[in-house]
Amino acid sequence: MKVCVTAQGDNLQALVDPRFGRAKYFLAVDVDSLDFEVIENVNAQGTGGVGIQSGRLMADKGVECVLTGNIGPNASDTLKAAGIKFCLGATGTVLEAVEKYKKGEMTLSEGSNVDSKSGA
């Protein structure tokens, strides 16, 4: 299974970025092998619609679940429309977030946890 973690850096020891749409990086991680792909978020500096664009990027990369701190309503709607699940409240390193997910310690979310103007 491929999950994507929002990250402040480009490796498994990087801290989770608490923002989805404006995260600096996305790390697409195979939860079994821990092989990963670094995806620089070219949408992060956009002036609007970054959550939607980042959600589409997740769909293009074949991600099944996103692990992040916070997500806005446009991004959550885009992910749901693409059939991508997401867990909110991720903290620590990317590797720690993946391990928590594998152990069932992260709960799937049904919607956003911030408003559309927050930059998440």
N, C-alpha and C. Protein backbone atom coordinates (compact mmCIF):
# COMPACT_ATOMS: atom_id res chain seq x y z
N MET A 1 0.85 -1.18 0.00
CA MET A 1 0.00 0.00 0.00
C MET A 1 0.89 1.24 0.00
N LYS A 2 0.48 2.25 -0.76
CA LYS A 2 1.24 3.49 -0.83
C LYS A 2 0.50 4.59 -0.08
N VAL A 3 1.17 5.13 0.95
CA VAL A 3 0.65 6.28 1.66
C VAL A 3 1.55 7.47 1.35
N CYS A 4 1.00 8.65 1.50
CA CYS A 4 1.79 9.85 1.28
C CYS A 4 1.77 10.67 2.55
N VAL A 5 2.95 11.08 2.99
CA VAL A 5 3.08 11.87 4.21
C VAL A 5 3.58 13.26 3.83
N THR A 6 2.92 14.29 4.36
CA THR A 6 3.40 15.65 4.13
C THR A 6 4.66 15.84 4.97
N ALA A 7 5.70 16.42 4.35
CA ALA A 7 6.99 16.48 5.04
C ALA A 7 7.68 17.82 4.87
N GLN A 8 8.49 18.17 5.87
CA GLN A 8 9.29 19.38 5.81
C GLN A 8 10.64 19.14 5.14
N GLY A 9 10.99 17.88 4.92
CA GLY A 9 12.26 17.51 4.29
C GLY A 9 12.07 16.35 3.34
N ASP A 10 13.17 15.87 2.78
CA ASP A 10 13.09 14.88 1.70
C ASP A 10 13.51 13.47 2.09
N ASN A 11 13.32 13.11 3.38
CA ASN A 11 13.69 11.75 3.81
C ASN A 11 12.77 11.29 4.94
N LEU A 12 12.89 10.03 5.31
CA LEU A 12 11.98 9.46 6.31
C LEU A 12 12.16 10.05 7.71
N GLN A 13 13.31 10.68 7.96
CA GLN A 13 13.55 11.30 9.27
C GLN A 13 13.08 12.75 9.32
N ALA A 14 12.57 13.27 8.20
CA ALA A 14 12.05 14.64 8.16
C ALA A 14 10.80 14.73 9.03
N LEU A 15 10.57 15.91 9.56
CA LEU A 15 9.36 16.14 10.35
C LEU A 15 8.15 16.21 9.43
N VAL A 16 7.03 15.75 9.94
CA VAL A 16 5.76 15.87 9.22
C VAL A 16 5.43 17.34 9.09
N ASP A 17 5.05 17.77 7.90
CA ASP A 17 4.57 19.14 7.70
C ASP A 17 3.10 19.14 8.10
N PRO A 18 2.69 20.03 9.01
CA PRO A 18 1.31 20.00 9.46
C PRO A 18 0.30 20.46 8.41
N ARG A 19 0.78 21.01 7.28
CA ARG A 19 -0.12 21.52 6.24
C ARG A 19 -0.14 20.55 5.07
N PHE A 20 -1.29 20.33 4.48
CA PHE A 20 -1.36 19.48 3.30
C PHE A 20 -1.03 20.27 2.04
N GLY A 21 -1.85 21.22 1.68
CA GLY A 21 -1.68 21.93 0.41
C GLY A 21 -0.38 22.69 0.28
N ARG A 22 0.13 23.17 1.38
CA ARG A 22 1.36 23.98 1.34
C ARG A 22 2.57 23.25 1.93
N ALA A 23 2.49 21.94 2.06
CA ALA A 23 3.65 21.17 2.52
C ALA A 23 4.79 21.34 1.52
N LYS A 24 6.01 21.37 2.03
CA LYS A 24 7.17 21.54 1.15
C LYS A 24 7.38 20.29 0.29
N TYR A 25 7.20 19.12 0.91
CA TYR A 25 7.38 17.85 0.21
C TYR A 25 6.24 16.89 0.54
N PHE A 26 6.06 15.95 -0.36
CA PHE A 26 5.22 14.78 -0.11
C PHE A 26 6.15 13.57 -0.24
N LEU A 27 6.09 12.66 0.71
CA LEU A 27 6.85 11.42 0.60
C LEU A 27 5.85 10.29 0.40
N ALA A 28 5.87 9.69 -0.78
CA ALA A 28 5.00 8.57 -1.09
C ALA A 28 5.74 7.32 -0.64
N VAL A 29 5.21 6.65 0.39
CA VAL A 29 5.92 5.56 1.07
C VAL A 29 5.16 4.25 0.90
N ASP A 30 5.88 3.20 0.51
CA ASP A 30 5.32 1.85 0.52
C ASP A 30 5.38 1.39 1.98
N VAL A 31 4.24 1.11 2.60
CA VAL A 31 4.21 0.81 4.03
C VAL A 31 4.88 -0.51 4.38
N ASP A 32 5.03 -1.40 3.42
CA ASP A 32 5.69 -2.68 3.70
C ASP A 32 7.20 -2.61 3.57
N SER A 33 7.68 -2.06 2.48
CA SER A 33 9.13 -2.03 2.22
C SER A 33 9.80 -0.76 2.71
N LEU A 34 9.02 0.29 2.96
CA LEU A 34 9.49 1.63 3.31
C LEU A 34 10.27 2.30 2.18
N ASP A 35 10.19 1.75 0.98
CA ASP A 35 10.71 2.45 -0.19
C ASP A 35 9.85 3.70 -0.35
N PHE A 36 10.46 4.79 -0.79
CA PHE A 36 9.69 6.02 -0.92
C PHE A 36 10.14 6.85 -2.10
N GLU A 37 9.22 7.68 -2.55
CA GLU A 37 9.47 8.64 -3.61
C GLU A 37 9.29 10.03 -3.02
N VAL A 38 10.25 10.91 -3.28
CA VAL A 38 10.16 12.30 -2.83
C VAL A 38 9.48 13.11 -3.93
N ILE A 39 8.43 13.82 -3.54
CA ILE A 39 7.70 14.66 -4.48
C ILE A 39 7.75 16.09 -3.94
N GLU A 40 8.49 16.95 -4.64
CA GLU A 40 8.52 18.35 -4.22
C GLU A 40 7.17 18.97 -4.57
N ASN A 41 6.59 19.67 -3.64
CA ASN A 41 5.27 20.26 -3.85
C ASN A 41 5.40 21.58 -4.58
N VAL A 42 5.29 21.54 -5.88
CA VAL A 42 5.39 22.76 -6.70
C VAL A 42 4.18 23.67 -6.49
N ASN A 43 3.14 23.17 -5.87
CA ASN A 43 1.93 23.96 -5.61
C ASN A 43 2.03 24.81 -4.35
N ALA A 44 3.01 24.54 -3.50
CA ALA A 44 3.07 25.15 -2.17
C ALA A 44 3.10 26.67 -2.19
N GLN A 45 3.69 27.27 -3.19
CA GLN A 45 3.80 28.72 -3.23
C GLN A 45 2.68 29.39 -4.02
N GLY A 46 1.70 28.62 -4.45
CA GLY A 46 0.59 29.18 -5.22
C GLY A 46 -0.23 30.16 -4.40
N THR A 47 -1.00 30.98 -5.10
CA THR A 47 -1.80 31.99 -4.42
C THR A 47 -3.21 31.50 -4.09
N GLY A 48 -3.62 30.42 -4.70
CA GLY A 48 -4.94 29.88 -4.41
C GLY A 48 -5.11 28.51 -5.04
N GLY A 49 -6.00 27.73 -4.48
CA GLY A 49 -6.29 26.41 -5.03
C GLY A 49 -5.21 25.37 -4.80
N VAL A 50 -4.30 25.63 -3.84
CA VAL A 50 -3.19 24.71 -3.64
C VAL A 50 -3.64 23.36 -3.09
N GLY A 51 -4.68 23.35 -2.29
CA GLY A 51 -5.18 22.09 -1.76
C GLY A 51 -5.75 21.20 -2.86
N ILE A 52 -6.47 21.82 -3.77
CA ILE A 52 -7.04 21.09 -4.90
C ILE A 52 -5.93 20.54 -5.79
N GLN A 53 -4.95 21.39 -6.11
CA GLN A 53 -3.85 20.96 -6.96
C GLN A 53 -3.03 19.86 -6.30
N SER A 54 -2.79 19.98 -5.00
CA SER A 54 -2.04 18.95 -4.29
C SER A 54 -2.83 17.65 -4.21
N GLY A 55 -4.14 17.75 -4.05
CA GLY A 55 -4.99 16.56 -4.06
C GLY A 55 -4.95 15.84 -5.40
N ARG A 56 -4.95 16.60 -6.47
CA ARG A 56 -4.84 16.00 -7.81
C ARG A 56 -3.50 15.32 -8.00
N LEU A 57 -2.45 15.93 -7.45
CA LEU A 57 -1.12 15.33 -7.53
C LEU A 57 -1.10 13.98 -6.83
N MET A 58 -1.77 13.87 -5.70
CA MET A 58 -1.85 12.60 -4.97
C MET A 58 -2.53 11.54 -5.84
N ALA A 59 -3.59 11.93 -6.52
CA ALA A 59 -4.30 11.00 -7.40
C ALA A 59 -3.39 10.57 -8.55
N ASP A 60 -2.66 11.50 -9.12
CA ASP A 60 -1.74 11.18 -10.23
C ASP A 60 -0.65 10.21 -9.80
N LYS A 61 -0.25 10.26 -8.53
CA LYS A 61 0.82 9.41 -8.02
C LYS A 61 0.31 8.06 -7.50
N GLY A 62 -0.99 7.84 -7.55
CA GLY A 62 -1.54 6.55 -7.12
C GLY A 62 -1.53 6.34 -5.62
N VAL A 63 -1.59 7.42 -4.86
CA VAL A 63 -1.60 7.35 -3.40
C VAL A 63 -2.94 6.81 -2.92
N GLU A 64 -2.92 5.95 -1.91
CA GLU A 64 -4.16 5.40 -1.36
C GLU A 64 -4.62 6.11 -0.10
N CYS A 65 -3.67 6.70 0.64
CA CYS A 65 -4.00 7.39 1.88
C CYS A 65 -2.96 8.48 2.12
N VAL A 66 -3.41 9.63 2.64
CA VAL A 66 -2.53 10.75 2.98
C VAL A 66 -2.48 10.87 4.50
N LEU A 67 -1.27 11.05 5.03
CA LEU A 67 -1.07 11.30 6.45
C LEU A 67 -0.55 12.73 6.58
N THR A 68 -1.29 13.56 7.30
CA THR A 68 -0.93 14.97 7.43
C THR A 68 -1.43 15.50 8.76
N GLY A 69 -1.06 16.73 9.06
CA GLY A 69 -1.54 17.35 10.29
C GLY A 69 -2.92 17.94 10.13
N ASN A 70 -3.08 18.76 9.09
CA ASN A 70 -4.33 19.49 8.87
C ASN A 70 -4.66 19.50 7.38
N ILE A 71 -5.95 19.65 7.11
CA ILE A 71 -6.39 19.71 5.72
C ILE A 71 -7.64 20.58 5.62
N GLY A 72 -7.70 21.37 4.56
CA GLY A 72 -8.84 22.24 4.33
C GLY A 72 -9.95 21.55 3.55
N PRO A 73 -11.10 22.19 3.45
CA PRO A 73 -12.26 21.57 2.81
C PRO A 73 -12.09 21.29 1.32
N ASN A 74 -11.42 22.16 0.58
CA ASN A 74 -11.24 21.91 -0.85
C ASN A 74 -10.33 20.71 -1.08
N ALA A 75 -9.26 20.62 -0.31
CA ALA A 75 -8.35 19.48 -0.44
C ALA A 75 -9.04 18.18 -0.02
N SER A 76 -9.78 18.22 1.08
CA SER A 76 -10.44 16.98 1.53
C SER A 76 -11.48 16.53 0.51
N ASP A 77 -12.21 17.47 -0.08
CA ASP A 77 -13.18 17.11 -1.11
C ASP A 77 -12.50 16.51 -2.33
N THR A 78 -11.35 17.08 -2.73
CA THR A 78 -10.61 16.57 -3.88
C THR A 78 -10.11 15.15 -3.62
N LEU A 79 -9.55 14.93 -2.43
CA LEU A 79 -9.06 13.59 -2.09
C LEU A 79 -10.21 12.58 -2.07
N LYS A 80 -11.32 12.95 -1.44
CA LYS A 80 -12.47 12.04 -1.37
C LYS A 80 -12.99 11.71 -2.76
N ALA A 81 -13.06 12.70 -3.64
CA ALA A 81 -13.54 12.47 -5.00
C ALA A 81 -12.62 11.51 -5.76
N ALA A 82 -11.34 11.51 -5.42
CA ALA A 82 -10.37 10.61 -6.06
C ALA A 82 -10.29 9.26 -5.37
N GLY A 83 -11.07 9.07 -4.30
CA GLY A 83 -11.05 7.80 -3.58
C GLY A 83 -9.84 7.64 -2.67
N ILE A 84 -9.22 8.76 -2.30
CA ILE A 84 -8.04 8.72 -1.44
C ILE A 84 -8.47 9.01 0.00
N LYS A 85 -8.08 8.13 0.92
CA LYS A 85 -8.38 8.31 2.33
C LYS A 85 -7.34 9.24 2.94
N PHE A 86 -7.63 9.78 4.12
CA PHE A 86 -6.65 10.62 4.80
C PHE A 86 -6.82 10.55 6.30
N CYS A 87 -5.69 10.69 6.99
CA CYS A 87 -5.63 10.73 8.44
C CYS A 87 -5.04 12.06 8.85
N LEU A 88 -5.64 12.71 9.83
CA LEU A 88 -5.19 14.02 10.30
C LEU A 88 -4.52 13.89 11.66
N GLY A 89 -3.78 14.91 12.03
CA GLY A 89 -3.12 14.93 13.33
C GLY A 89 -1.76 14.25 13.34
N ALA A 90 -1.21 13.96 12.16
CA ALA A 90 0.11 13.32 12.10
C ALA A 90 1.17 14.27 12.65
N THR A 91 2.08 13.73 13.44
CA THR A 91 3.18 14.50 14.03
C THR A 91 4.43 13.64 14.04
N GLY A 92 5.53 14.24 14.48
CA GLY A 92 6.79 13.51 14.56
C GLY A 92 7.46 13.44 13.21
N THR A 93 8.21 12.37 12.99
CA THR A 93 8.88 12.19 11.70
C THR A 93 7.97 11.44 10.73
N VAL A 94 8.33 11.48 9.48
CA VAL A 94 7.58 10.74 8.46
C VAL A 94 7.54 9.26 8.83
N LEU A 95 8.68 8.70 9.20
CA LEU A 95 8.74 7.28 9.56
C LEU A 95 7.84 6.98 10.75
N GLU A 96 7.83 7.84 11.76
CA GLU A 96 6.96 7.62 12.92
C GLU A 96 5.49 7.64 12.51
N ALA A 97 5.12 8.55 11.62
CA ALA A 97 3.73 8.62 11.16
C ALA A 97 3.35 7.35 10.41
N VAL A 98 4.23 6.86 9.56
CA VAL A 98 3.96 5.62 8.82
C VAL A 98 3.82 4.45 9.79
N GLU A 99 4.69 4.36 10.78
CA GLU A 99 4.61 3.28 11.76
C GLU A 99 3.31 3.34 12.55
N LYS A 100 2.89 4.53 12.95
CA LYS A 100 1.61 4.68 13.66
C LYS A 100 0.45 4.22 12.77
N TYR A 101 0.52 4.58 11.50
CA TYR A 101 -0.53 4.18 10.57
C TYR A 101 -0.57 2.65 10.45
N LYS A 102 0.59 2.03 10.30
CA LYS A 102 0.66 0.58 10.17
C LYS A 102 0.10 -0.14 11.39
N LYS A 103 0.29 0.45 12.57
CA LYS A 103 -0.19 -0.14 13.82
C LYS A 103 -1.68 0.16 14.07
N GLY A 104 -2.31 0.94 13.19
CA GLY A 104 -3.71 1.28 13.37
C GLY A 104 -3.92 2.37 14.41
N GLU A 105 -2.88 3.16 14.68
CA GLU A 105 -2.97 4.20 15.69
C GLU A 105 -3.42 5.54 15.13
N MET A 106 -3.70 5.60 13.82
CA MET A 106 -4.22 6.83 13.21
C MET A 106 -5.62 6.54 12.69
N THR A 107 -6.51 7.49 12.89
CA THR A 107 -7.90 7.32 12.50
C THR A 107 -8.17 8.02 11.17
N LEU A 108 -8.87 7.33 10.29
CA LEU A 108 -9.27 7.95 9.03
C LEU A 108 -10.24 9.09 9.33
N SER A 109 -10.09 10.17 8.57
CA SER A 109 -10.94 11.34 8.76
C SER A 109 -12.04 11.37 7.70
N GLU A 110 -13.12 12.01 8.05
CA GLU A 110 -14.24 12.16 7.12
C GLU A 110 -14.25 13.51 6.42
N GLY A 111 -13.47 14.47 6.94
CA GLY A 111 -13.50 15.81 6.34
C GLY A 111 -12.39 16.68 6.87
N SER A 112 -12.46 17.95 6.51
CA SER A 112 -11.41 18.90 6.85
C SER A 112 -11.43 19.22 8.34
N ASN A 113 -10.30 19.75 8.81
CA ASN A 113 -10.24 20.20 10.21
C ASN A 113 -9.83 21.67 10.33
N VAL A 114 -9.72 22.36 9.18
CA VAL A 114 -9.43 23.79 9.17
C VAL A 114 -10.27 24.45 8.08
N ASP A 115 -10.41 25.78 8.15
CA ASP A 115 -11.20 26.44 7.12
C ASP A 115 -10.38 26.65 5.85
N SER A 116 -11.02 27.08 4.81
CA SER A 116 -10.37 27.16 3.50
C SER A 116 -9.35 28.28 3.38
N LYS A 117 -9.27 29.17 4.33
CA LYS A 117 -8.32 30.30 4.25
C LYS A 117 -7.08 30.10 5.13
N SER A 118 -6.91 28.91 5.69
CA SER A 118 -5.84 28.69 6.66
C SER A 118 -4.49 28.36 6.03
N GLY A 119 -4.48 27.97 4.76
CA GLY A 119 -3.23 27.57 4.14
C GLY A 119 -2.89 26.12 4.36
N ALA A 120 -3.79 25.37 4.97
CA ALA A 120 -3.55 23.94 5.17
C ALA A 120 -3.96 23.25 3.93
